[in-house]
Amino acid sequence: MTSSSLPTTDSPHPAGTTPLPQRRTRFALAMLAAGSLFLAGCSDSAEAGTDEAGTPQQGGILKVAYDTDPQCLDGQQVGYNVTLNITRQITDSLTDQDPETGEIEPWLAESWDVSEDAKTFTFHLREGVKFQDGTDFTSASVKENFEAIEELGAKASIGQTYIDGLKEIETPDERTVTFTFDRPNAQFLQATSTMNLGFYSSKTLEQSPEQRCTGDLVGTGPFELTSVEHNKAIELTRYDDYDWPSSLADHDGPAHLAGIEFSIVPEASVRNGSLLSGQVDVDTSVQSQDEASLEAQGLNIVSRANPGVVYNLVPKTTGDIASDRAVRKALNKGIDRQQLTTVISDHQSPATSVLAESTPQYEDLSDLLAYDPEGAKRLLDDAGWKTGADGIRTKDGKELSTTLTYWQDAPFLELVQQQLRAIGFDLQLEKKTIAEVTALQAEGEEEFTFGNLTRSDADILRNYFGAEEQNSNDREPGRIDSVLARTTETLDEDKRKADFTQAATLILDEGYSIPIVELAGIVGTGKNVHDFEFEASSRYQLYDTWLGGEQ
């Protein structure tokens, strides 16, 4: 086995070496300048002090307002951002990914070796790591967790795709673990930086998947999960013995915050009012129309675009309507993405590909998404969809109409609805809870689904669209899968990017994705919140966050 250095965006340091820590890229929230408007009222968390130099202060509870309940808190099972933003604070990963450069950096593994054929990955673990229940984190812990992910099967829909072809896990000693795959798996190193491959204690893994969803989770992270009351609040407490942060972190030892409280506040107006009054420190879902007013009143807006698959409509090829390629292609032509800028946040962008621009290996494919309503109409005319008296098309007695259920905060869908009606497509919108949408999708009856999938590697295309993976389109294997398979066979980033671009082009050409808008986490914070950070996949990393100064 040789030491391998992945080029470009996934470049580890040579095996057996531990680089000087590169501190995490910070999307920091600076203190408001003197003379700006100060609003009366402060939360308990605002009582933590700060010195003139702005040195991070210890203590305080960061009060975070969520717009929706996560339902399941297990990051090995669930890929929703609302889950992973919480679970990321509870547990750690083998590696971390620099959000600025895309490079893979040490975390629970201090170094690693990658074979030239990308089939074997050996990680050398750091010493002294413990779970929050006091048990040691060793190579046996790594093996136990990966085997648990395998046992979860379809419940670990994302993690399973990361370890496709896993043949063997060896643990020659407590600090060494080797993964061997039966075929090349070039994406695996980056996957080890994700929350979906994070670690839980043996006691947690002994529980059923359903029990883990309710929140009885013990990890290695800087915060312990201490209370879960679904649809109301989730509380985390600082793990005082924590002393193994990522090499990208800005300090060592325990977290600065004494704890974090996530409260579920569905109403945007209530979240805004709570942020302004100091009842909460963070609003995780600021509406685009509220951004300017919050900033005008002295509050901070911070955001980072989510890498991976953008917000998109995903047709099911088994559906009566979505099985028609002409319909799928017409939808892409019938959406005026530039017009969407009138209703989305200044921190968001219209989609220019299946992949977000912040994704490593991204290529601009906006020419394939050009607005062409007349072209859309011709496609539908040629496919036999005739315009009715109400403007909606029909074919063989069936209306070109479907109902889309979704749970996300996506007001731009109403404009998309209007645009598609202009070409004769009736898109009915029904917003429901995560649980309701998940249940409906499990039934497999919907023609189209809506969503995104975040990952800081273009391999997310294989995860999301691969016929042997999540197969979001319910399609048969084809050329796309052959191209996506090539991306796992080489460590050459230029070749991977070329193949990802070809795969994305094929996905758009077949209408397997109707990209709409790039997702961005748009967060409002009080003036007392410092160093609110995002990791490479745009999930919150609150280890370095601290409270100080006026609310």
Protein backbone atom coordinates (compact mmCIF):
# COMPACT_ATOMS: atom_id res chain seq x y z
CA MET A 1 0.00 0.00 0.00
CA THR A 2 1.29 3.44 -0.88
CA SER A 3 0.56 6.82 0.54
CA SER A 4 -1.85 8.58 -1.79
CA SER A 5 -2.47 12.26 -2.29
CA LEU A 6 -5.73 13.08 -3.98
CA PRO A 7 -5.35 16.08 -6.29
CA THR A 8 -7.34 19.31 -6.36
CA THR A 9 -10.34 19.32 -4.00
CA ASP A 10 -9.75 16.07 -2.17
CA SER A 11 -6.06 16.22 -1.33
CA PRO A 12 -5.05 14.55 1.96
CA HIS A 13 -1.68 15.01 3.52
CA PRO A 14 0.80 12.17 3.17
CA ALA A 15 0.22 9.22 5.43
CA GLY A 16 2.05 9.21 8.70
CA THR A 17 2.14 12.98 8.92
CA THR A 18 -0.04 15.39 10.82
CA PRO A 19 -0.08 18.84 9.21
CA LEU A 20 -0.15 22.05 11.14
CA PRO A 21 -3.82 22.78 11.79
CA GLN A 22 -5.52 24.91 9.15
CA ARG A 23 -8.18 26.83 11.01
CA ARG A 24 -11.73 26.53 9.77
CA THR A 25 -12.97 29.10 7.29
CA ARG A 26 -15.15 31.37 9.35
CA PHE A 27 -18.36 32.99 8.29
CA ALA A 28 -18.06 35.19 11.36
CA LEU A 29 -20.60 37.66 12.58
CA ALA A 30 -18.77 40.80 13.55
CA MET A 31 -19.94 43.01 16.38
CA LEU A 32 -22.12 45.91 15.24
CA ALA A 33 -20.19 49.14 14.95
CA ALA A 34 -20.69 51.77 17.64
CA GLY A 35 -23.58 54.12 16.98
CA SER A 36 -25.82 51.51 15.38
CA LEU A 37 -29.34 51.00 16.62
CA PHE A 38 -29.60 49.09 19.90
CA LEU A 39 -32.86 47.32 20.64
CA ALA A 40 -34.09 46.90 24.19
CA GLY A 41 -34.42 43.44 25.68
CA CYS A 42 -31.84 40.68 25.95
CA SER A 43 -31.78 36.97 26.49
CA ASP A 44 -29.99 35.12 29.26
CA SER A 45 -27.37 34.15 26.70
CA ALA A 46 -26.51 37.81 26.14
CA GLU A 47 -25.17 38.06 29.67
CA ALA A 48 -21.87 36.40 28.79
CA GLY A 49 -19.20 39.11 28.76
CA THR A 50 -16.48 40.03 26.32
CA ASP A 51 -13.25 41.94 26.69
CA GLU A 52 -12.08 44.82 24.52
CA ALA A 53 -9.95 42.55 22.35
CA GLY A 54 -12.93 40.37 21.48
CA THR A 55 -11.41 37.28 23.08
CA PRO A 56 -13.88 34.36 22.98
CA GLN A 57 -15.75 34.08 26.26
CA GLN A 58 -16.90 30.93 28.01
CA GLY A 59 -20.49 30.13 28.88
CA GLY A 60 -23.97 31.08 27.81
CA ILE A 61 -26.73 29.11 26.12
CA LEU A 62 -27.07 29.74 22.38
CA LYS A 63 -30.81 29.90 21.70
CA VAL A 64 -31.62 28.80 18.15
CA ALA A 65 -35.08 29.03 16.51
CA TYR A 66 -35.86 26.28 13.98
CA ASP A 67 -38.76 26.51 11.53
CA THR A 68 -39.48 22.77 11.53
CA ASP A 69 -39.03 19.75 13.78
CA PRO A 70 -36.33 17.27 12.69
CA GLN A 71 -38.54 14.25 13.52
CA CYS A 72 -35.50 11.92 13.56
CA LEU A 73 -32.20 13.02 15.12
CA ASP A 74 -30.02 10.15 13.94
CA GLY A 75 -27.54 11.46 11.37
CA GLN A 76 -26.68 7.95 10.22
CA GLN A 77 -30.28 7.46 9.13
CA VAL A 78 -31.42 10.91 8.02
CA GLY A 79 -29.99 13.36 5.51
CA TYR A 80 -32.15 16.40 6.27
CA ASN A 81 -30.22 19.56 7.15
CA VAL A 82 -32.52 20.16 10.12
CA THR A 83 -31.27 16.88 11.59
CA LEU A 84 -27.62 17.16 10.64
CA ASN A 85 -27.26 20.72 11.95
CA ILE A 86 -28.01 19.29 15.40
CA THR A 87 -26.24 15.94 15.15
CA ARG A 88 -23.07 17.59 13.82
CA GLN A 89 -22.63 19.08 17.30
CA ILE A 90 -23.01 15.68 18.98
CA THR A 91 -20.53 13.58 17.09
CA ASP A 92 -17.34 13.80 15.02
CA SER A 93 -15.95 12.25 11.83
CA LEU A 94 -12.71 10.59 10.82
CA THR A 95 -11.79 13.60 8.68
CA ASP A 96 -12.93 17.16 8.07
CA GLN A 97 -13.19 19.09 4.82
CA ASP A 98 -11.98 22.64 4.47
CA PRO A 99 -14.98 24.68 3.23
CA GLU A 100 -12.64 27.12 1.48
CA THR A 101 -10.33 24.75 -0.40
CA GLY A 102 -12.20 21.44 -0.37
CA GLU A 103 -9.12 19.68 1.02
CA ILE A 104 -9.55 16.80 3.44
CA GLU A 105 -7.99 17.48 6.86
CA PRO A 106 -7.40 15.43 10.05
CA TRP A 107 -10.01 15.01 12.77
CA LEU A 108 -10.45 11.72 14.64
CA ALA A 109 -7.95 10.28 12.17
CA GLU A 110 -4.62 12.07 12.32
CA SER A 111 -3.39 10.58 9.03
CA TRP A 112 -4.31 8.02 6.38
CA ASP A 113 -3.08 5.97 3.42
CA VAL A 114 -4.98 5.47 0.17
CA SER A 115 -3.99 2.75 -2.29
CA GLU A 116 -3.37 3.78 -5.89
CA ASP A 117 -6.34 1.73 -7.07
CA ALA A 118 -8.63 3.48 -4.55
CA LYS A 119 -9.72 0.16 -3.05
CA THR A 120 -7.93 0.33 0.30
CA PHE A 121 -8.07 3.13 2.88
CA THR A 122 -6.13 2.94 6.15
CA PHE A 123 -6.76 5.49 8.92
CA HIS A 124 -4.49 6.14 11.88
CA LEU A 125 -6.57 7.36 14.81
CA ARG A 126 -5.63 9.99 17.36
CA GLU A 127 -5.24 8.98 21.00
CA GLY A 128 -7.37 9.92 23.97
CA VAL A 129 -10.76 10.25 22.25
CA LYS A 130 -13.75 9.21 24.36
CA PHE A 131 -17.48 9.00 23.87
CA GLN A 132 -19.66 11.13 26.11
CA ASP A 133 -20.43 8.07 28.25
CA GLY A 134 -16.72 7.74 29.07
CA THR A 135 -15.97 4.75 26.83
CA ASP A 136 -12.93 4.83 24.55
CA PHE A 137 -13.13 5.59 20.84
CA THR A 138 -10.93 3.01 19.08
CA SER A 139 -10.63 1.22 15.77
CA ALA A 140 -13.26 -1.21 17.09
CA SER A 141 -15.64 1.75 17.42
CA VAL A 142 -15.07 2.66 13.80
CA LYS A 143 -15.71 -0.89 12.64
CA GLU A 144 -18.80 -1.21 14.84
CA ASN A 145 -20.32 1.99 13.45
CA PHE A 146 -19.74 1.13 9.82
CA GLU A 147 -21.19 -2.32 10.34
CA ALA A 148 -24.20 -0.69 11.99
CA ILE A 149 -24.67 1.53 8.93
CA GLU A 150 -24.62 -1.58 6.75
CA GLU A 151 -27.23 -3.19 9.00
CA LEU A 152 -29.48 -0.14 8.73
CA GLY A 153 -29.89 -0.97 5.06
CA ALA A 154 -32.31 1.35 3.28
CA LYS A 155 -32.76 3.40 6.46
CA ALA A 156 -29.20 4.69 5.90
CA SER A 157 -29.96 5.71 2.33
CA ILE A 158 -27.04 8.14 2.09
CA GLY A 159 -24.41 6.39 4.17
CA GLN A 160 -25.03 3.14 2.32
CA THR A 161 -24.05 4.74 -1.00
CA TYR A 162 -20.75 5.92 0.51
CA ILE A 163 -19.68 2.38 1.40
CA ASP A 164 -20.88 0.51 -1.68
CA GLY A 165 -18.66 -2.48 -2.29
CA LEU A 166 -17.21 -2.56 1.24
CA LYS A 167 -15.56 -5.95 1.48
CA GLU A 168 -13.72 -5.93 4.79
CA ILE A 169 -12.84 -3.77 7.80
CA GLU A 170 -9.62 -4.72 9.61
CA THR A 171 -8.47 -3.43 13.01
CA PRO A 172 -4.88 -4.61 13.54
CA ASP A 173 -4.59 -2.43 16.65
CA GLU A 174 -6.66 0.09 18.60
CA ARG A 175 -5.49 3.05 16.53
CA THR A 176 -5.49 1.56 13.03
CA VAL A 177 -8.47 0.70 10.84
CA THR A 178 -8.37 -0.43 7.21
CA PHE A 179 -11.30 -0.45 4.79
CA THR A 180 -11.08 -2.68 1.73
CA PHE A 181 -13.54 -2.38 -1.14
CA ASP A 182 -14.14 -4.90 -3.89
CA ARG A 183 -13.92 -2.12 -6.49
CA PRO A 184 -12.45 1.40 -6.64
CA ASN A 185 -14.19 3.91 -4.40
CA ALA A 186 -12.49 7.26 -4.99
CA GLN A 187 -15.21 9.24 -3.19
CA PHE A 188 -14.79 7.41 0.12
CA LEU A 189 -12.16 9.71 1.66
CA GLN A 190 -14.41 12.75 1.32
CA ALA A 191 -17.34 10.69 2.60
CA THR A 192 -15.49 10.12 5.88
CA SER A 193 -15.83 13.85 6.59
CA THR A 194 -19.64 13.72 6.49
CA MET A 195 -22.07 13.47 9.39
CA ASN A 196 -23.70 10.42 7.78
CA LEU A 197 -20.53 8.49 8.69
CA GLY A 198 -20.25 10.00 12.18
CA PHE A 199 -19.79 7.87 15.31
CA TYR A 200 -21.97 6.69 18.20
CA SER A 201 -21.16 4.70 21.31
CA SER A 202 -21.80 0.96 21.54
CA LYS A 203 -24.78 1.59 23.82
CA THR A 204 -26.39 3.83 21.18
CA LEU A 205 -25.81 1.28 18.44
CA GLU A 206 -27.54 -1.40 20.51
CA GLN A 207 -30.80 0.51 20.21
CA SER A 208 -33.34 0.05 17.43
CA PRO A 209 -33.36 2.60 14.60
CA GLU A 210 -36.67 3.92 15.95
CA GLN A 211 -35.19 4.46 19.42
CA ARG A 212 -32.22 6.29 17.95
CA CYS A 213 -34.56 8.61 16.04
CA THR A 214 -36.12 9.78 19.29
CA GLY A 215 -32.80 11.21 20.39
CA ASP A 216 -31.01 8.85 22.78
CA LEU A 217 -27.65 9.42 21.07
CA VAL A 218 -24.14 9.37 22.56
CA GLY A 219 -21.30 10.59 20.36
CA THR A 220 -17.76 11.93 20.62
CA GLY A 221 -18.67 15.55 19.84
CA PRO A 222 -18.34 18.77 21.85
CA PHE A 223 -22.00 18.77 22.93
CA GLU A 224 -24.14 16.09 24.59
CA LEU A 225 -27.80 15.61 23.77
CA THR A 226 -29.64 16.11 27.05
CA SER A 227 -33.29 16.71 26.20
CA VAL A 228 -35.65 16.11 23.28
CA GLU A 229 -39.27 17.23 23.19
CA HIS A 230 -40.44 16.87 19.61
CA ASN A 231 -42.16 19.88 18.06
CA LYS A 232 -40.97 21.98 21.00
CA ALA A 233 -37.27 21.97 21.92
CA ILE A 234 -33.98 20.07 21.76
CA GLU A 235 -31.26 20.84 24.28
CA LEU A 236 -27.51 20.20 24.11
CA THR A 237 -25.00 20.61 26.94
CA ARG A 238 -21.24 21.14 26.62
CA TYR A 239 -19.15 17.98 26.96
CA ASP A 240 -16.54 19.28 29.39
CA ASP A 241 -13.97 16.55 28.70
CA TYR A 242 -13.88 17.24 24.96
CA ASP A 243 -10.34 17.80 23.69
CA TRP A 244 -10.09 16.43 20.11
CA PRO A 245 -11.46 19.06 17.71
CA SER A 246 -10.91 19.07 13.98
CA SER A 247 -7.58 20.45 12.81
CA LEU A 248 -9.64 23.24 11.23
CA ALA A 249 -11.00 24.45 14.57
CA ASP A 250 -9.90 27.72 16.12
CA HIS A 251 -9.26 26.50 19.65
CA ASP A 252 -8.62 23.37 21.71
CA GLY A 253 -10.46 21.92 24.67
CA PRO A 254 -14.19 22.14 25.40
CA ALA A 255 -16.58 24.31 23.38
CA HIS A 256 -17.01 27.95 24.40
CA LEU A 257 -20.79 27.69 24.77
CA ALA A 258 -22.26 26.06 27.87
CA GLY A 259 -25.05 24.67 25.73
CA ILE A 260 -27.40 25.07 22.78
CA GLU A 261 -31.18 25.14 22.81
CA PHE A 262 -33.05 24.52 19.55
CA SER A 263 -36.68 25.61 19.77
CA ILE A 264 -39.28 24.82 17.11
CA VAL A 265 -40.93 28.05 15.91
CA PRO A 266 -42.76 27.52 12.59
CA GLU A 267 -44.03 31.10 12.20
CA ALA A 268 -41.50 33.45 10.56
CA SER A 269 -43.00 36.52 12.23
CA VAL A 270 -42.59 34.94 15.67
CA ARG A 271 -38.97 34.00 14.95
CA ASN A 272 -38.24 37.56 13.78
CA GLY A 273 -39.86 39.06 16.84
CA SER A 274 -37.99 36.70 19.13
CA LEU A 275 -34.69 37.56 17.47
CA LEU A 276 -35.35 41.29 17.71
CA SER A 277 -36.39 41.07 21.37
CA GLY A 278 -33.46 38.86 22.35
CA GLN A 279 -35.56 35.82 23.23
CA VAL A 280 -33.52 33.86 20.69
CA ASP A 281 -29.99 34.42 19.41
CA VAL A 282 -30.34 32.72 16.01
CA ASP A 283 -33.13 32.41 13.43
CA THR A 284 -32.15 29.58 11.10
CA SER A 285 -34.70 30.35 8.38
CA VAL A 286 -34.87 34.06 7.62
CA GLN A 287 -37.40 34.89 4.88
CA SER A 288 -36.07 36.81 1.88
CA GLN A 289 -38.54 39.65 2.46
CA ASP A 290 -37.33 40.06 6.06
CA GLU A 291 -33.58 40.25 5.44
CA ALA A 292 -33.33 43.99 4.78
CA SER A 293 -35.46 44.96 7.78
CA LEU A 294 -33.45 42.76 10.15
CA GLU A 295 -30.17 44.19 8.90
CA ALA A 296 -31.56 47.73 9.12
CA GLN A 297 -32.29 47.13 12.79
CA GLY A 298 -28.72 46.09 13.51
CA LEU A 299 -28.97 42.30 13.27
CA ASN A 300 -26.66 40.12 11.22
CA ILE A 301 -27.43 37.90 8.23
CA VAL A 302 -24.97 35.13 7.45
CA SER A 303 -25.27 32.47 4.77
CA ARG A 304 -23.44 29.83 2.79
CA ALA A 305 -24.64 28.09 -0.35
CA ASN A 306 -25.21 24.37 0.06
CA PRO A 307 -23.05 22.25 -2.24
CA GLY A 308 -24.58 19.21 -3.92
CA VAL A 309 -27.83 18.76 -5.79
CA VAL A 310 -29.85 21.99 -5.96
CA TYR A 311 -33.53 22.36 -5.16
CA ASN A 312 -35.15 20.49 -8.01
CA LEU A 313 -38.25 18.68 -9.18
CA VAL A 314 -37.53 15.00 -9.63
CA PRO A 315 -39.86 13.06 -11.95
CA LYS A 316 -40.71 9.41 -11.34
CA THR A 317 -40.38 7.59 -14.66
CA THR A 318 -43.01 5.12 -13.47
CA GLY A 319 -45.64 7.89 -13.36
CA ASP A 320 -48.35 8.44 -15.97
CA ILE A 321 -47.10 11.95 -16.73
CA ALA A 322 -43.47 11.91 -15.61
CA SER A 323 -42.74 8.85 -17.75
CA ASP A 324 -43.08 11.09 -20.82
CA ARG A 325 -39.64 12.44 -21.72
CA ALA A 326 -41.22 15.29 -23.69
CA VAL A 327 -43.03 16.46 -20.54
CA ARG A 328 -39.87 16.31 -18.46
CA LYS A 329 -37.87 18.28 -21.02
CA ALA A 330 -40.69 20.79 -21.47
CA LEU A 331 -40.65 21.56 -17.75
CA ASN A 332 -36.99 22.54 -17.91
CA LYS A 333 -37.72 24.86 -20.84
CA GLY A 334 -40.82 26.30 -19.20
CA ILE A 335 -39.14 27.70 -16.08
CA ASP A 336 -37.75 31.23 -16.23
CA ARG A 337 -35.01 30.88 -13.63
CA GLN A 338 -33.84 34.47 -13.93
CA GLN A 339 -37.32 35.66 -13.00
CA LEU A 340 -37.00 33.68 -9.78
CA THR A 341 -34.45 36.24 -8.57
CA THR A 342 -37.41 38.53 -7.87
CA VAL A 343 -38.68 36.23 -5.12
CA ILE A 344 -35.60 34.51 -3.71
CA SER A 345 -33.04 35.86 -1.27
CA ASP A 346 -30.05 37.90 -2.40
CA HIS A 347 -28.06 35.05 -0.85
CA GLN A 348 -29.58 32.52 -3.25
CA SER A 349 -29.07 31.97 -6.97
CA PRO A 350 -31.08 30.36 -9.74
CA ALA A 351 -29.83 26.89 -10.62
CA THR A 352 -27.29 26.69 -13.44
CA SER A 353 -26.89 22.91 -13.29
CA VAL A 354 -28.06 19.92 -11.32
CA LEU A 355 -25.15 20.77 -9.02
CA ALA A 356 -24.74 23.94 -6.98
CA GLU A 357 -21.87 26.23 -7.89
CA SER A 358 -20.29 25.63 -4.47
CA THR A 359 -19.83 21.93 -5.27
CA PRO A 360 -16.33 20.73 -6.14
CA GLN A 361 -16.35 19.52 -9.78
CA TYR A 362 -19.21 21.92 -10.67
CA GLU A 363 -19.58 22.99 -14.31
CA ASP A 364 -21.96 25.70 -15.55
CA LEU A 365 -24.68 24.06 -17.70
CA SER A 366 -27.06 27.02 -17.78
CA ASP A 367 -27.28 26.82 -21.57
CA LEU A 368 -29.19 23.55 -21.09
CA LEU A 369 -31.64 25.33 -18.78
CA ALA A 370 -32.43 28.33 -21.00
CA TYR A 371 -35.97 29.68 -20.77
CA ASP A 372 -37.81 28.64 -23.94
CA PRO A 373 -41.58 28.55 -23.43
CA GLU A 374 -42.30 28.23 -27.13
CA GLY A 375 -39.93 25.29 -27.36
CA ALA A 376 -41.70 23.73 -24.36
CA LYS A 377 -45.06 24.10 -26.05
CA ARG A 378 -43.77 22.50 -29.26
CA LEU A 379 -42.46 19.51 -27.32
CA LEU A 380 -45.84 19.02 -25.67
CA ASP A 381 -47.73 19.54 -28.94
CA ASP A 382 -45.58 16.95 -30.71
CA ALA A 383 -46.09 14.50 -27.83
CA GLY A 384 -49.86 14.77 -28.19
CA TRP A 385 -50.64 17.02 -25.21
CA LYS A 386 -53.39 19.36 -26.45
CA THR A 387 -54.38 22.63 -24.80
CA GLY A 388 -57.86 22.60 -23.24
CA ALA A 389 -60.33 25.43 -22.73
CA ASP A 390 -58.86 26.18 -19.29
CA GLY A 391 -55.32 26.31 -20.67
CA ILE A 392 -54.32 22.96 -19.17
CA ARG A 393 -53.23 20.28 -21.61
CA THR A 394 -54.73 16.81 -21.91
CA LYS A 395 -53.80 13.58 -23.65
CA ASP A 396 -55.96 10.49 -23.98
CA GLY A 397 -58.38 11.96 -21.45
CA LYS A 398 -55.69 12.66 -18.83
CA GLU A 399 -54.88 16.20 -17.67
CA LEU A 400 -51.29 17.40 -17.55
CA SER A 401 -51.68 17.97 -13.83
CA THR A 402 -49.92 16.75 -10.69
CA THR A 403 -49.79 17.54 -6.98
CA LEU A 404 -46.41 18.27 -5.42
CA THR A 405 -46.06 17.83 -1.66
CA TYR A 406 -43.13 19.44 0.12
CA TRP A 407 -42.07 20.57 3.60
CA GLN A 408 -39.27 23.03 2.82
CA ASP A 409 -39.45 26.81 2.99
CA ALA A 410 -39.70 27.34 -0.77
CA PRO A 411 -41.99 30.28 -1.66
CA PHE A 412 -40.45 30.42 -5.15
CA LEU A 413 -42.47 27.31 -6.03
CA GLU A 414 -45.53 29.53 -6.41
CA LEU A 415 -43.82 31.46 -9.21
CA VAL A 416 -42.72 28.19 -10.81
CA GLN A 417 -46.34 27.10 -10.62
CA GLN A 418 -47.41 30.20 -12.58
CA GLN A 419 -44.67 29.77 -15.17
CA LEU A 420 -45.56 26.14 -15.85
CA ARG A 421 -49.24 26.94 -16.14
CA ALA A 422 -48.32 29.20 -19.06
CA ILE A 423 -47.19 26.13 -21.03
CA GLY A 424 -50.25 24.14 -20.02
CA PHE A 425 -48.87 22.24 -17.01
CA ASP A 426 -50.94 22.34 -13.80
CA LEU A 427 -48.68 22.07 -10.74
CA GLN A 428 -50.72 21.88 -7.54
CA LEU A 429 -48.74 22.67 -4.36
CA GLU A 430 -49.37 21.18 -0.92
CA LYS A 431 -47.03 22.04 1.95
CA LYS A 432 -46.98 19.43 4.71
CA THR A 433 -44.77 18.32 7.60
CA ILE A 434 -41.58 16.32 7.10
CA ALA A 435 -43.30 13.24 8.49
CA GLU A 436 -46.25 13.59 6.13
CA VAL A 437 -44.07 14.11 3.06
CA THR A 438 -41.80 11.20 4.01
CA ALA A 439 -44.82 8.92 4.40
CA LEU A 440 -46.23 9.94 1.01
CA GLN A 441 -42.91 9.43 -0.73
CA ALA A 442 -42.59 6.00 0.88
CA GLU A 443 -45.85 5.01 -0.81
CA GLY A 444 -44.21 5.75 -4.17
CA GLU A 445 -47.36 7.16 -5.76
CA GLU A 446 -46.19 10.70 -6.46
CA GLU A 447 -45.29 11.73 -10.02
CA PHE A 448 -42.76 14.31 -8.85
CA THR A 449 -40.81 14.95 -5.66
CA PHE A 450 -39.09 18.14 -4.56
CA GLY A 451 -35.87 18.58 -2.64
CA ASN A 452 -32.13 18.83 -2.67
CA LEU A 453 -29.25 16.73 -1.34
CA THR A 454 -26.20 18.35 0.21
CA ARG A 455 -22.66 17.09 -0.12
CA SER A 456 -19.37 18.79 -0.89
CA ASP A 457 -18.51 16.33 -3.64
CA ALA A 458 -20.16 15.77 -7.02
CA ASP A 459 -20.49 12.09 -6.16
CA ILE A 460 -23.85 13.25 -4.80
CA LEU A 461 -25.11 12.76 -8.38
CA ARG A 462 -24.47 9.04 -8.04
CA ASN A 463 -26.06 8.98 -4.58
CA TYR A 464 -29.19 10.78 -5.76
CA PHE A 465 -29.73 9.65 -9.35
CA GLY A 466 -27.86 6.34 -9.61
CA ALA A 467 -30.18 3.47 -10.57
CA GLU A 468 -28.42 1.22 -8.07
CA GLU A 469 -28.41 3.88 -5.34
CA GLN A 470 -31.34 6.08 -4.22
CA ASN A 471 -32.69 5.99 -7.78
CA SER A 472 -34.83 9.06 -7.23
CA ASN A 473 -36.34 8.67 -10.71
CA ASP A 474 -37.35 5.00 -10.33
CA ARG A 475 -35.66 4.35 -13.67
CA GLU A 476 -33.88 1.42 -15.24
CA PRO A 477 -30.05 1.39 -15.35
CA GLY A 478 -28.55 3.12 -18.36
CA ARG A 479 -25.69 5.14 -19.77
CA ILE A 480 -25.79 7.64 -16.92
CA ASP A 481 -24.86 4.89 -14.48
CA SER A 482 -21.88 3.81 -16.57
CA VAL A 483 -20.56 7.37 -16.55
CA LEU A 484 -21.17 7.80 -12.81
CA ALA A 485 -19.39 4.50 -12.12
CA ARG A 486 -16.25 5.88 -13.77
CA THR A 487 -16.10 8.69 -11.23
CA THR A 488 -15.37 6.20 -8.47
CA GLU A 489 -12.56 4.50 -10.36
CA THR A 490 -9.96 7.23 -10.46
CA LEU A 491 -8.25 9.61 -8.07
CA ASP A 492 -7.61 12.03 -10.93
CA GLU A 493 -9.85 15.01 -10.19
CA ASP A 494 -9.76 16.32 -13.75
CA LYS A 495 -11.12 13.03 -15.05
CA ARG A 496 -13.72 12.89 -12.28
CA LYS A 497 -14.92 16.40 -13.11
CA ALA A 498 -15.23 15.58 -16.80
CA ASP A 499 -17.30 12.50 -16.02
CA PHE A 500 -19.51 14.36 -13.54
CA THR A 501 -20.14 17.03 -16.18
CA GLN A 502 -21.10 14.38 -18.70
CA ALA A 503 -23.41 12.71 -16.18
CA ALA A 504 -25.09 16.01 -15.28
CA THR A 505 -25.57 16.76 -18.98
CA LEU A 506 -27.22 13.38 -19.54
CA ILE A 507 -29.47 13.88 -16.50
CA LEU A 508 -30.68 17.21 -17.89
CA ASP A 509 -31.05 15.88 -21.42
CA GLU A 510 -33.34 13.12 -20.17
CA GLY A 511 -35.23 15.50 -17.90
CA TYR A 512 -34.45 13.41 -14.84
CA SER A 513 -33.95 16.65 -12.90
CA ILE A 514 -35.71 20.01 -13.20
CA PRO A 515 -33.26 22.30 -11.34
CA ILE A 516 -34.80 25.43 -9.84
CA VAL A 517 -32.79 27.27 -7.16
CA GLU A 518 -29.55 26.76 -5.25
CA LEU A 519 -30.23 26.21 -1.56
CA ALA A 520 -28.48 28.53 0.88
CA GLY A 521 -28.79 28.54 4.64
CA ILE A 522 -29.84 32.09 5.52
CA VAL A 523 -29.36 32.72 9.21
CA GLY A 524 -30.13 35.79 11.30
CA THR A 525 -28.22 36.33 14.54
CA GLY A 526 -28.07 38.71 17.44
CA LYS A 527 -25.12 41.05 17.85
CA ASN A 528 -23.89 38.93 20.74
CA VAL A 529 -23.20 35.89 18.52
CA HIS A 530 -19.63 35.43 17.34
CA ASP A 531 -17.94 32.88 15.06
CA PHE A 532 -21.11 31.19 13.85
CA GLU A 533 -19.53 28.82 11.34
CA PHE A 534 -20.45 26.44 8.53
CA GLU A 535 -18.56 23.29 7.61
CA ALA A 536 -17.94 22.27 3.98
CA SER A 537 -21.43 20.84 3.53
CA SER A 538 -22.91 24.07 4.92
CA ARG A 539 -24.08 22.52 8.18
CA TYR A 540 -23.53 24.47 11.36
CA GLN A 541 -20.26 23.92 13.20
CA LEU A 542 -20.77 25.56 16.60
CA TYR A 543 -17.70 24.34 18.49
CA ASP A 544 -15.95 27.74 18.07
CA THR A 545 -19.10 29.85 18.49
CA TRP A 546 -19.29 32.15 21.50
CA LEU A 547 -21.55 34.76 23.06
CA GLY A 548 -20.51 38.21 24.20
CA GLY A 549 -21.57 41.84 24.16
CA GLU A 550 -24.99 43.37 23.62
CA GLN A 551 -27.90 41.44 22.12
